[in-house]
Amino acid sequence: MPYLQRPSTLSPAHIESEVVSVEVWAYPGQGLLEVHVYFRGVEVTATVSIIDPNTGQQIATYITPQDFPVLLTTGTYNLYAYYEEYRASQTVEITEGQTTIWRVYMEPKRLCFVATTCFGYGHPALETFRFFRDTILLRNTFGRLFTKIYYYYIGYPIAEILKTRHTLRNITRRSLDIILRALEKLKIVIET
């Protein structure tokens, strides 16, 4: 069952992780590990270190996605993914005859928490909201003040509420769709 990990405190990124398992042919005492790292919704080449949690020893370092899947002995491992200045960590259980897939989604902290929660990572709408923030809001005093308040005090708590309340998230998404259409028209005017 996929699950979400809270944003990492070790990195200047908002990170969500999803771990899933897929059955494969049986390996006596072994299973496969596959890692995919996404930055702003696009899969990127990243470095992944596999650590033995009992000894703290590094078992190996791989480049994702090209070096995966990796065959490992069953057991628990600590994984660390590095992309540019971003870092994510996850503990995974390797099960016999299973491929454990770790998907890491990274975004700079200055993302629109509410829009990302409503639309999902990598959705084209997020680029329009970023365009509005960067070309209009951050170029005037009121816009910079609003952006600061949103990122430091308002956005993340609202996004957390929306994650658990499906109906409220749908209502917010419909409202954002209206705003999005207006911003797309504004973007066309600004770019021409």
N, C-alpha and C. Protein backbone atom coordinates (compact mmCIF):
# COMPACT_ATOMS: atom_id res chain seq x y z
N MET A 1 0.85 -1.19 0.00
CA MET A 1 0.00 0.00 0.00
C MET A 1 0.89 1.24 0.00
N PRO A 2 0.72 2.16 -0.96
CA PRO A 2 1.53 3.38 -0.98
C PRO A 2 1.29 4.22 0.26
N TYR A 3 2.30 4.94 0.69
CA TYR A 3 2.12 5.86 1.80
C TYR A 3 3.01 7.06 1.59
N LEU A 4 2.68 8.13 2.30
CA LEU A 4 3.42 9.38 2.14
C LEU A 4 4.31 9.61 3.35
N GLN A 5 5.46 10.19 3.08
CA GLN A 5 6.38 10.55 4.16
C GLN A 5 6.34 12.07 4.29
N ARG A 6 6.36 12.57 5.49
CA ARG A 6 6.34 14.02 5.68
C ARG A 6 7.59 14.64 5.07
N PRO A 7 7.54 15.93 4.72
CA PRO A 7 8.71 16.56 4.12
C PRO A 7 9.95 16.38 4.99
N SER A 8 11.07 16.12 4.34
CA SER A 8 12.32 15.87 5.04
C SER A 8 12.83 17.16 5.70
N THR A 9 13.34 17.04 6.90
CA THR A 9 13.96 18.19 7.56
C THR A 9 15.43 18.27 7.20
N LEU A 10 15.92 17.30 6.44
CA LEU A 10 17.34 17.27 6.08
C LEU A 10 17.61 18.00 4.77
N SER A 11 16.61 18.52 4.14
CA SER A 11 16.77 19.03 2.79
C SER A 11 15.94 20.29 2.58
N PRO A 12 16.40 21.18 1.69
CA PRO A 12 15.58 22.36 1.38
C PRO A 12 14.49 22.04 0.38
N ALA A 13 13.95 20.83 0.45
CA ALA A 13 12.93 20.42 -0.52
C ALA A 13 11.72 19.86 0.20
N HIS A 14 10.58 20.01 -0.45
CA HIS A 14 9.36 19.33 -0.01
C HIS A 14 9.43 17.96 -0.68
N ILE A 15 9.46 16.90 0.11
CA ILE A 15 9.69 15.56 -0.42
C ILE A 15 8.54 14.65 -0.03
N GLU A 16 8.03 13.92 -0.99
CA GLU A 16 7.06 12.88 -0.70
C GLU A 16 7.62 11.59 -1.27
N SER A 17 7.40 10.51 -0.55
CA SER A 17 7.89 9.21 -0.97
C SER A 17 6.73 8.24 -1.10
N GLU A 18 6.88 7.35 -2.05
CA GLU A 18 5.88 6.30 -2.24
C GLU A 18 6.65 5.00 -2.39
N VAL A 19 6.30 4.01 -1.59
CA VAL A 19 6.96 2.71 -1.66
C VAL A 19 5.91 1.67 -2.03
N VAL A 20 6.17 0.93 -3.09
CA VAL A 20 5.25 -0.12 -3.52
C VAL A 20 6.04 -1.39 -3.77
N SER A 21 5.37 -2.51 -3.76
CA SER A 21 6.01 -3.80 -4.05
C SER A 21 5.29 -4.47 -5.20
N VAL A 22 6.07 -5.11 -6.06
CA VAL A 22 5.54 -5.83 -7.20
C VAL A 22 6.11 -7.24 -7.17
N GLU A 23 5.25 -8.24 -7.35
CA GLU A 23 5.73 -9.63 -7.34
C GLU A 23 6.54 -9.93 -8.59
N VAL A 24 7.64 -10.64 -8.40
CA VAL A 24 8.48 -11.10 -9.51
C VAL A 24 8.76 -12.58 -9.29
N TRP A 25 9.54 -13.18 -10.18
CA TRP A 25 9.87 -14.59 -9.97
C TRP A 25 10.70 -14.72 -8.69
N ALA A 26 10.64 -15.87 -8.09
CA ALA A 26 11.23 -16.07 -6.76
C ALA A 26 12.75 -16.14 -6.82
N TYR A 27 13.38 -15.43 -5.91
CA TYR A 27 14.82 -15.54 -5.66
C TYR A 27 14.94 -16.08 -4.25
N PRO A 28 15.67 -17.17 -4.03
CA PRO A 28 15.82 -17.67 -2.66
C PRO A 28 16.52 -16.63 -1.79
N GLY A 29 15.79 -16.05 -0.85
CA GLY A 29 16.38 -15.10 0.10
C GLY A 29 16.74 -13.75 -0.48
N GLN A 30 16.22 -13.43 -1.68
CA GLN A 30 16.56 -12.15 -2.30
C GLN A 30 15.34 -11.49 -2.92
N GLY A 31 15.47 -10.20 -3.14
CA GLY A 31 14.43 -9.42 -3.81
C GLY A 31 15.09 -8.28 -4.56
N LEU A 32 14.30 -7.61 -5.37
CA LEU A 32 14.83 -6.51 -6.18
C LEU A 32 14.45 -5.16 -5.58
N LEU A 33 15.32 -4.17 -5.78
CA LEU A 33 15.06 -2.79 -5.39
C LEU A 33 15.13 -1.93 -6.64
N GLU A 34 14.16 -1.04 -6.77
CA GLU A 34 14.13 -0.10 -7.90
C GLU A 34 13.85 1.28 -7.34
N VAL A 35 14.60 2.28 -7.77
CA VAL A 35 14.44 3.65 -7.25
C VAL A 35 14.24 4.61 -8.42
N HIS A 36 13.26 5.51 -8.27
CA HIS A 36 13.02 6.57 -9.25
C HIS A 36 12.92 7.89 -8.50
N VAL A 37 13.67 8.89 -8.96
CA VAL A 37 13.67 10.21 -8.33
C VAL A 37 13.08 11.21 -9.32
N TYR A 38 12.12 12.00 -8.85
CA TYR A 38 11.47 13.00 -9.69
C TYR A 38 11.71 14.38 -9.10
N PHE A 39 12.03 15.33 -9.93
CA PHE A 39 12.18 16.72 -9.50
C PHE A 39 11.21 17.54 -10.34
N ARG A 40 10.29 18.24 -9.68
CA ARG A 40 9.24 18.99 -10.35
C ARG A 40 8.48 18.12 -11.34
N GLY A 41 8.26 16.87 -10.96
CA GLY A 41 7.44 15.96 -11.74
C GLY A 41 8.16 15.25 -12.88
N VAL A 42 9.45 15.54 -13.09
CA VAL A 42 10.21 14.91 -14.17
C VAL A 42 11.26 13.99 -13.57
N GLU A 43 11.37 12.77 -14.10
CA GLU A 43 12.38 11.84 -13.57
C GLU A 43 13.77 12.36 -13.88
N VAL A 44 14.64 12.34 -12.88
CA VAL A 44 16.00 12.86 -13.01
C VAL A 44 17.02 11.79 -12.65
N THR A 45 18.25 12.02 -13.07
CA THR A 45 19.36 11.14 -12.69
C THR A 45 19.84 11.57 -11.31
N ALA A 46 19.83 10.66 -10.37
CA ALA A 46 20.22 10.97 -9.00
C ALA A 46 21.11 9.85 -8.46
N THR A 47 21.78 10.14 -7.36
CA THR A 47 22.63 9.16 -6.70
C THR A 47 21.87 8.56 -5.53
N VAL A 48 21.95 7.24 -5.40
CA VAL A 48 21.26 6.55 -4.30
C VAL A 48 22.28 5.72 -3.53
N SER A 49 22.35 5.93 -2.22
CA SER A 49 23.22 5.13 -1.36
C SER A 49 22.36 4.16 -0.56
N ILE A 50 22.86 2.94 -0.43
CA ILE A 50 22.17 1.91 0.35
C ILE A 50 23.02 1.63 1.58
N ILE A 51 22.41 1.78 2.76
CA ILE A 51 23.11 1.66 4.04
C ILE A 51 22.52 0.51 4.84
N ASP A 52 23.37 -0.27 5.47
CA ASP A 52 22.93 -1.31 6.40
C ASP A 52 22.56 -0.61 7.71
N PRO A 53 21.28 -0.67 8.13
CA PRO A 53 20.87 0.05 9.34
C PRO A 53 21.48 -0.50 10.62
N ASN A 54 21.91 -1.76 10.62
CA ASN A 54 22.48 -2.35 11.82
C ASN A 54 23.91 -1.88 12.07
N THR A 55 24.69 -1.77 10.99
CA THR A 55 26.10 -1.40 11.14
C THR A 55 26.39 0.03 10.74
N GLY A 56 25.47 0.65 9.97
CA GLY A 56 25.71 1.99 9.46
C GLY A 56 26.67 2.00 8.28
N GLN A 57 27.06 0.84 7.83
CA GLN A 57 27.99 0.73 6.71
C GLN A 57 27.27 0.93 5.38
N GLN A 58 27.94 1.64 4.48
CA GLN A 58 27.40 1.81 3.15
C GLN A 58 27.62 0.53 2.35
N ILE A 59 26.54 0.00 1.81
CA ILE A 59 26.62 -1.23 1.03
C ILE A 59 27.05 -0.93 -0.40
N ALA A 60 26.41 0.10 -0.99
CA ALA A 60 26.73 0.45 -2.37
C ALA A 60 26.12 1.80 -2.70
N THR A 61 26.60 2.39 -3.80
CA THR A 61 26.04 3.62 -4.35
C THR A 61 25.69 3.36 -5.81
N TYR A 62 24.50 3.79 -6.21
CA TYR A 62 24.02 3.57 -7.57
C TYR A 62 23.51 4.87 -8.16
N ILE A 63 23.39 4.89 -9.47
CA ILE A 63 22.79 6.02 -10.18
C ILE A 63 21.41 5.57 -10.65
N THR A 64 20.40 6.36 -10.28
CA THR A 64 19.05 6.04 -10.70
C THR A 64 18.68 6.87 -11.91
N PRO A 65 17.93 6.36 -12.87
CA PRO A 65 17.34 5.03 -12.91
C PRO A 65 18.22 3.97 -13.58
N GLN A 66 19.37 4.37 -14.13
CA GLN A 66 20.11 3.45 -15.01
C GLN A 66 20.68 2.21 -14.32
N ASP A 67 21.06 2.29 -13.04
CA ASP A 67 21.66 1.13 -12.37
C ASP A 67 20.64 0.19 -11.74
N PHE A 68 19.38 0.52 -11.80
CA PHE A 68 18.35 -0.30 -11.15
C PHE A 68 17.61 -1.13 -12.17
N PRO A 69 16.99 -2.26 -11.76
CA PRO A 69 16.84 -2.77 -10.40
C PRO A 69 18.12 -3.44 -9.89
N VAL A 70 18.23 -3.48 -8.55
CA VAL A 70 19.36 -4.06 -7.86
C VAL A 70 18.88 -5.26 -7.06
N LEU A 71 19.61 -6.34 -7.12
CA LEU A 71 19.28 -7.56 -6.37
C LEU A 71 19.90 -7.46 -4.98
N LEU A 72 19.06 -7.58 -3.94
CA LEU A 72 19.53 -7.47 -2.56
C LEU A 72 19.03 -8.66 -1.75
N THR A 73 19.78 -9.00 -0.70
CA THR A 73 19.35 -10.01 0.25
C THR A 73 18.17 -9.45 1.04
N THR A 74 17.20 -10.30 1.37
CA THR A 74 16.03 -9.83 2.12
C THR A 74 16.47 -9.18 3.42
N GLY A 75 15.74 -8.15 3.83
CA GLY A 75 16.05 -7.43 5.05
C GLY A 75 15.67 -5.97 4.91
N THR A 76 16.06 -5.20 5.92
CA THR A 76 15.75 -3.77 5.96
C THR A 76 16.98 -2.96 5.59
N TYR A 77 16.78 -1.93 4.79
CA TYR A 77 17.88 -1.06 4.35
C TYR A 77 17.45 0.40 4.47
N ASN A 78 18.44 1.25 4.76
CA ASN A 78 18.22 2.70 4.73
C ASN A 78 18.71 3.20 3.37
N LEU A 79 17.86 3.96 2.68
CA LEU A 79 18.21 4.50 1.38
C LEU A 79 18.31 6.01 1.47
N TYR A 80 19.28 6.58 0.74
CA TYR A 80 19.44 8.02 0.66
C TYR A 80 19.54 8.39 -0.81
N ALA A 81 18.68 9.32 -1.24
CA ALA A 81 18.71 9.79 -2.63
C ALA A 81 19.20 11.23 -2.63
N TYR A 82 20.13 11.53 -3.54
CA TYR A 82 20.71 12.86 -3.65
C TYR A 82 20.51 13.39 -5.07
N TYR A 83 19.92 14.57 -5.17
CA TYR A 83 19.80 15.24 -6.46
C TYR A 83 20.12 16.72 -6.23
N GLU A 84 21.18 17.20 -6.89
CA GLU A 84 21.67 18.56 -6.69
C GLU A 84 21.83 18.78 -5.18
N GLU A 85 21.19 19.82 -4.61
CA GLU A 85 21.34 20.05 -3.16
C GLU A 85 20.24 19.38 -2.35
N TYR A 86 19.41 18.57 -2.99
CA TYR A 86 18.29 17.94 -2.31
C TYR A 86 18.65 16.54 -1.85
N ARG A 87 18.04 16.15 -0.74
CA ARG A 87 18.32 14.83 -0.16
C ARG A 87 17.02 14.26 0.39
N ALA A 88 16.83 12.97 0.18
CA ALA A 88 15.67 12.28 0.75
C ALA A 88 16.15 10.97 1.35
N SER A 89 15.44 10.50 2.36
CA SER A 89 15.82 9.22 2.98
C SER A 89 14.56 8.38 3.18
N GLN A 90 14.78 7.07 3.19
CA GLN A 90 13.66 6.14 3.34
C GLN A 90 14.19 4.81 3.85
N THR A 91 13.46 4.16 4.72
CA THR A 91 13.78 2.80 5.14
C THR A 91 12.86 1.87 4.35
N VAL A 92 13.46 0.85 3.70
CA VAL A 92 12.65 -0.08 2.91
C VAL A 92 12.92 -1.50 3.37
N GLU A 93 11.93 -2.34 3.17
CA GLU A 93 12.02 -3.76 3.49
C GLU A 93 12.09 -4.52 2.18
N ILE A 94 13.15 -5.28 1.97
CA ILE A 94 13.29 -6.11 0.78
C ILE A 94 12.72 -7.48 1.11
N THR A 95 11.75 -7.92 0.33
CA THR A 95 11.04 -9.18 0.55
C THR A 95 11.39 -10.16 -0.55
N GLU A 96 11.50 -11.42 -0.19
CA GLU A 96 11.83 -12.45 -1.17
C GLU A 96 10.79 -12.49 -2.28
N GLY A 97 11.30 -12.50 -3.52
CA GLY A 97 10.41 -12.61 -4.67
C GLY A 97 9.62 -11.36 -4.97
N GLN A 98 10.02 -10.22 -4.42
CA GLN A 98 9.31 -8.96 -4.64
C GLN A 98 10.28 -7.91 -5.19
N THR A 99 9.75 -7.01 -6.00
CA THR A 99 10.49 -5.80 -6.38
C THR A 99 9.93 -4.67 -5.53
N THR A 100 10.75 -4.07 -4.70
CA THR A 100 10.35 -2.92 -3.91
C THR A 100 10.73 -1.67 -4.69
N ILE A 101 9.75 -0.82 -4.96
CA ILE A 101 9.97 0.38 -5.76
C ILE A 101 9.83 1.60 -4.85
N TRP A 102 10.89 2.42 -4.81
CA TRP A 102 10.85 3.67 -4.04
C TRP A 102 10.77 4.82 -5.03
N ARG A 103 9.69 5.58 -4.97
CA ARG A 103 9.56 6.76 -5.80
C ARG A 103 9.69 7.99 -4.91
N VAL A 104 10.58 8.88 -5.30
CA VAL A 104 10.86 10.09 -4.51
C VAL A 104 10.44 11.29 -5.34
N TYR A 105 9.56 12.12 -4.79
CA TYR A 105 9.10 13.32 -5.48
C TYR A 105 9.64 14.54 -4.74
N MET A 106 10.47 15.32 -5.43
CA MET A 106 11.10 16.49 -4.79
C MET A 106 10.58 17.76 -5.45
N GLU A 107 10.35 18.77 -4.64
CA GLU A 107 9.98 20.10 -5.11
C GLU A 107 10.71 21.11 -4.25
N PRO A 108 11.14 22.25 -4.83
CA PRO A 108 11.69 23.30 -3.98
C PRO A 108 10.65 23.70 -2.94
N LYS A 109 11.09 24.14 -1.77
CA LYS A 109 10.14 24.48 -0.72
C LYS A 109 9.18 25.57 -1.17
N ARG A 110 9.65 26.45 -2.03
CA ARG A 110 8.79 27.55 -2.45
C ARG A 110 7.86 27.10 -3.57
N LEU A 111 7.06 26.11 -3.31
CA LEU A 111 6.05 25.68 -4.27
C LEU A 111 4.69 26.07 -3.72
N CYS A 112 3.70 26.04 -4.58
CA CYS A 112 2.35 26.36 -4.13
C CYS A 112 1.78 25.11 -3.49
N PHE A 113 1.79 25.07 -2.17
CA PHE A 113 1.36 23.88 -1.45
C PHE A 113 -0.07 23.48 -1.80
N VAL A 114 -0.97 24.46 -1.83
CA VAL A 114 -2.38 24.16 -2.06
C VAL A 114 -2.59 23.65 -3.48
N ALA A 115 -2.03 24.34 -4.47
CA ALA A 115 -2.18 23.91 -5.86
C ALA A 115 -1.56 22.53 -6.08
N THR A 116 -0.41 22.28 -5.47
CA THR A 116 0.24 20.98 -5.62
C THR A 116 -0.62 19.88 -5.02
N THR A 117 -1.23 20.14 -3.88
CA THR A 117 -2.11 19.15 -3.26
C THR A 117 -3.34 18.89 -4.12
N CYS A 118 -3.89 19.93 -4.73
CA CYS A 118 -5.11 19.78 -5.52
C CYS A 118 -4.85 19.18 -6.90
N PHE A 119 -3.77 19.60 -7.55
CA PHE A 119 -3.51 19.16 -8.93
C PHE A 119 -2.56 17.97 -9.00
N GLY A 120 -1.64 17.83 -8.05
CA GLY A 120 -0.66 16.75 -8.06
C GLY A 120 0.67 17.21 -8.65
N TYR A 121 1.74 16.50 -8.27
CA TYR A 121 3.08 16.83 -8.74
C TYR A 121 3.18 16.75 -10.25
N GLY A 122 3.88 17.71 -10.82
CA GLY A 122 4.15 17.69 -12.25
C GLY A 122 3.01 18.16 -13.13
N HIS A 123 1.89 18.54 -12.55
CA HIS A 123 0.74 19.00 -13.35
C HIS A 123 1.11 20.33 -14.02
N PRO A 124 0.75 20.50 -15.31
CA PRO A 124 1.08 21.75 -16.01
C PRO A 124 0.53 23.01 -15.36
N ALA A 125 -0.56 22.88 -14.61
CA ALA A 125 -1.14 24.05 -13.94
C ALA A 125 -0.16 24.69 -12.97
N LEU A 126 0.71 23.88 -12.37
CA LEU A 126 1.66 24.41 -11.39
C LEU A 126 2.62 25.41 -12.02
N GLU A 127 2.99 25.19 -13.28
CA GLU A 127 3.88 26.12 -13.97
C GLU A 127 3.20 27.48 -14.15
N THR A 128 1.90 27.47 -14.40
CA THR A 128 1.16 28.73 -14.55
C THR A 128 1.13 29.49 -13.23
N PHE A 129 0.88 28.77 -12.13
CA PHE A 129 0.89 29.43 -10.82
C PHE A 129 2.28 29.97 -10.48
N ARG A 130 3.33 29.22 -10.81
CA ARG A 130 4.70 29.70 -10.57
C ARG A 130 5.00 30.94 -11.41
N PHE A 131 4.53 30.93 -12.65
CA PHE A 131 4.72 32.08 -13.53
C PHE A 131 4.09 33.32 -12.91
N PHE A 132 2.86 33.19 -12.41
CA PHE A 132 2.17 34.30 -11.77
C PHE A 132 2.96 34.80 -10.55
N ARG A 133 3.42 33.86 -9.74
CA ARG A 133 4.20 34.23 -8.55
C ARG A 133 5.46 34.99 -8.94
N ASP A 134 6.22 34.42 -9.91
CA ASP A 134 7.53 34.98 -10.24
C ASP A 134 7.46 36.27 -11.03
N THR A 135 6.45 36.41 -11.92
CA THR A 135 6.42 37.60 -12.78
C THR A 135 5.54 38.72 -12.26
N ILE A 136 4.62 38.42 -11.34
CA ILE A 136 3.73 39.47 -10.83
C ILE A 136 3.87 39.65 -9.32
N LEU A 137 3.65 38.59 -8.55
CA LEU A 137 3.65 38.73 -7.09
C LEU A 137 5.00 39.17 -6.54
N LEU A 138 6.07 38.56 -7.02
CA LEU A 138 7.39 38.86 -6.44
C LEU A 138 7.99 40.17 -6.95
N ARG A 139 7.26 40.90 -7.78
CA ARG A 139 7.80 42.15 -8.34
C ARG A 139 7.17 43.40 -7.72
N ASN A 140 6.40 43.21 -6.64
CA ASN A 140 5.87 44.38 -5.93
C ASN A 140 5.81 44.07 -4.44
N THR A 141 5.78 45.10 -3.65
CA THR A 141 5.87 44.96 -2.19
C THR A 141 4.72 44.13 -1.62
N PHE A 142 3.49 44.44 -2.03
CA PHE A 142 2.34 43.69 -1.52
C PHE A 142 2.44 42.22 -1.91
N GLY A 143 2.82 41.95 -3.15
CA GLY A 143 2.94 40.58 -3.63
C GLY A 143 3.99 39.80 -2.88
N ARG A 144 5.14 40.44 -2.59
CA ARG A 144 6.20 39.77 -1.82
C ARG A 144 5.73 39.48 -0.40
N LEU A 145 5.00 40.42 0.21
CA LEU A 145 4.47 40.22 1.56
C LEU A 145 3.46 39.06 1.56
N PHE A 146 2.54 39.06 0.59
CA PHE A 146 1.56 37.99 0.49
C PHE A 146 2.25 36.64 0.32
N THR A 147 3.25 36.59 -0.57
CA THR A 147 3.96 35.34 -0.84
C THR A 147 4.66 34.83 0.41
N LYS A 148 5.30 35.74 1.14
CA LYS A 148 6.00 35.35 2.37
C LYS A 148 5.03 34.79 3.40
N ILE A 149 3.92 35.47 3.60
CA ILE A 149 2.91 35.00 4.57
C ILE A 149 2.37 33.64 4.14
N TYR A 150 2.09 33.50 2.83
CA TYR A 150 1.56 32.23 2.32
C TYR A 150 2.53 31.09 2.57
N TYR A 151 3.80 31.25 2.21
CA TYR A 151 4.76 30.16 2.33
C TYR A 151 5.13 29.83 3.77
N TYR A 152 5.18 30.85 4.64
CA TYR A 152 5.62 30.60 6.00
C TYR A 152 4.51 30.26 6.97
N TYR A 153 3.27 30.70 6.68
CA TYR A 153 2.22 30.54 7.70
C TYR A 153 0.93 29.87 7.21
N ILE A 154 0.57 30.05 5.96
CA ILE A 154 -0.77 29.66 5.52
C ILE A 154 -0.79 28.40 4.65
N GLY A 155 0.06 28.36 3.62
CA GLY A 155 -0.03 27.34 2.58
C GLY A 155 0.08 25.91 3.07
N TYR A 156 1.11 25.63 3.86
CA TYR A 156 1.33 24.24 4.27
C TYR A 156 0.21 23.71 5.17
N PRO A 157 -0.26 24.45 6.18
CA PRO A 157 -1.36 23.93 7.00
C PRO A 157 -2.64 23.69 6.19
N ILE A 158 -2.94 24.58 5.23
CA ILE A 158 -4.13 24.37 4.40
C ILE A 158 -3.96 23.11 3.56
N ALA A 159 -2.77 22.93 2.98
CA ALA A 159 -2.51 21.74 2.17
C ALA A 159 -2.67 20.47 2.99
N GLU A 160 -2.20 20.48 4.22
CA GLU A 160 -2.34 19.31 5.09
C GLU A 160 -3.81 18.98 5.36
N ILE A 161 -4.64 20.01 5.53
CA ILE A 161 -6.07 19.79 5.74
C ILE A 161 -6.69 19.21 4.47
N LEU A 162 -6.31 19.76 3.31
CA LEU A 162 -6.88 19.30 2.04
C LEU A 162 -6.51 17.85 1.73
N LYS A 163 -5.36 17.40 2.20
CA LYS A 163 -4.94 16.02 1.93
C LYS A 163 -5.88 15.00 2.54
N THR A 164 -6.52 15.36 3.65
CA THR A 164 -7.38 14.40 4.35
C THR A 164 -8.87 14.65 4.12
N ARG A 165 -9.23 15.74 3.44
CA ARG A 165 -10.65 16.07 3.23
C ARG A 165 -10.93 16.15 1.73
N HIS A 166 -11.40 15.04 1.20
CA HIS A 166 -11.59 14.89 -0.25
C HIS A 166 -12.57 15.92 -0.82
N THR A 167 -13.70 16.12 -0.18
CA THR A 167 -14.71 17.06 -0.68
C THR A 167 -14.18 18.48 -0.70
N LEU A 168 -13.53 18.88 0.37
CA LEU A 168 -12.96 20.23 0.44
C LEU A 168 -11.87 20.41 -0.61
N ARG A 169 -11.10 19.36 -0.86
CA ARG A 169 -10.05 19.43 -1.89
C ARG A 169 -10.67 19.60 -3.28
N ASN A 170 -11.78 18.90 -3.54
CA ASN A 170 -12.47 19.05 -4.84
C ASN A 170 -13.02 20.45 -5.03
N ILE A 171 -13.59 21.02 -3.97
CA ILE A 171 -14.12 22.39 -4.05
C ILE A 171 -12.98 23.37 -4.32
N THR A 172 -11.87 23.18 -3.61
CA THR A 172 -10.71 24.05 -3.81
C THR A 172 -10.16 23.90 -5.22
N ARG A 173 -10.13 22.68 -5.72
CA ARG A 173 -9.63 22.44 -7.08
C ARG A 173 -10.50 23.17 -8.11
N ARG A 174 -11.83 23.12 -7.94
CA ARG A 174 -12.71 23.83 -8.88
C ARG A 174 -12.47 25.34 -8.81
N SER A 175 -12.25 25.86 -7.61
CA SER A 175 -11.96 27.29 -7.47
C SER A 175 -10.63 27.64 -8.14
N LEU A 176 -9.64 26.78 -7.95
CA LEU A 176 -8.34 27.02 -8.58
C LEU A 176 -8.41 26.91 -10.10
N ASP A 177 -9.31 26.06 -10.62
CA ASP A 177 -9.50 25.96 -12.06
C ASP A 177 -9.95 27.30 -12.65
N ILE A 178 -10.83 27.99 -11.96
CA ILE A 178 -11.31 29.30 -12.40
C ILE A 178 -10.16 30.30 -12.41
N ILE A 179 -9.39 30.32 -11.32
CA ILE A 179 -8.23 31.21 -11.23
C ILE A 179 -7.21 30.86 -12.30
N LEU A 180 -7.01 29.57 -12.53
CA LEU A 180 -6.04 29.11 -13.52
C LEU A 180 -6.38 29.61 -14.92
N ARG A 181 -7.67 29.54 -15.29
CA ARG A 181 -8.06 30.02 -16.62
C ARG A 181 -7.75 31.51 -16.78
N ALA A 182 -8.01 32.30 -15.72
CA ALA A 182 -7.70 33.73 -15.77
C ALA A 182 -6.19 33.96 -15.87
N LEU A 183 -5.41 33.18 -15.11
CA LEU A 183 -3.95 33.34 -15.14
C LEU A 183 -3.36 32.93 -16.49
N GLU A 184 -3.94 31.91 -17.12
CA GLU A 184 -3.44 31.49 -18.44
C GLU A 184 -3.67 32.59 -19.48
N LYS A 185 -4.83 33.27 -19.40
CA LYS A 185 -5.08 34.39 -20.31
C LYS A 185 -4.11 35.54 -20.03
N LEU A 186 -3.87 35.81 -18.74
CA LEU A 186 -2.93 36.86 -18.36
C LEU A 186 -1.53 36.53 -18.84
N LYS A 187 -1.15 35.26 -18.73
CA LYS A 187 0.17 34.82 -19.18
C LYS A 187 0.35 35.05 -20.68
N ILE A 188 -0.67 34.78 -21.46
CA ILE A 188 -0.62 35.00 -22.91
C ILE A 188 -0.41 36.49 -23.20
N VAL A 189 -1.14 37.35 -22.48
CA VAL A 189 -1.01 38.79 -22.68
C VAL A 189 0.40 39.26 -22.32
N ILE A 190 0.94 38.78 -21.21
CA ILE A 190 2.26 39.19 -20.76
C ILE A 190 3.34 38.72 -21.74
N GLU A 191 3.20 37.51 -22.26
CA GLU A 191 4.23 36.95 -23.13
C GLU A 191 4.19 37.50 -24.56
N THR A 192 3.07 38.16 -24.94
CA THR A 192 3.00 38.71 -26.31
C THR A 192 3.36 40.18 -26.34
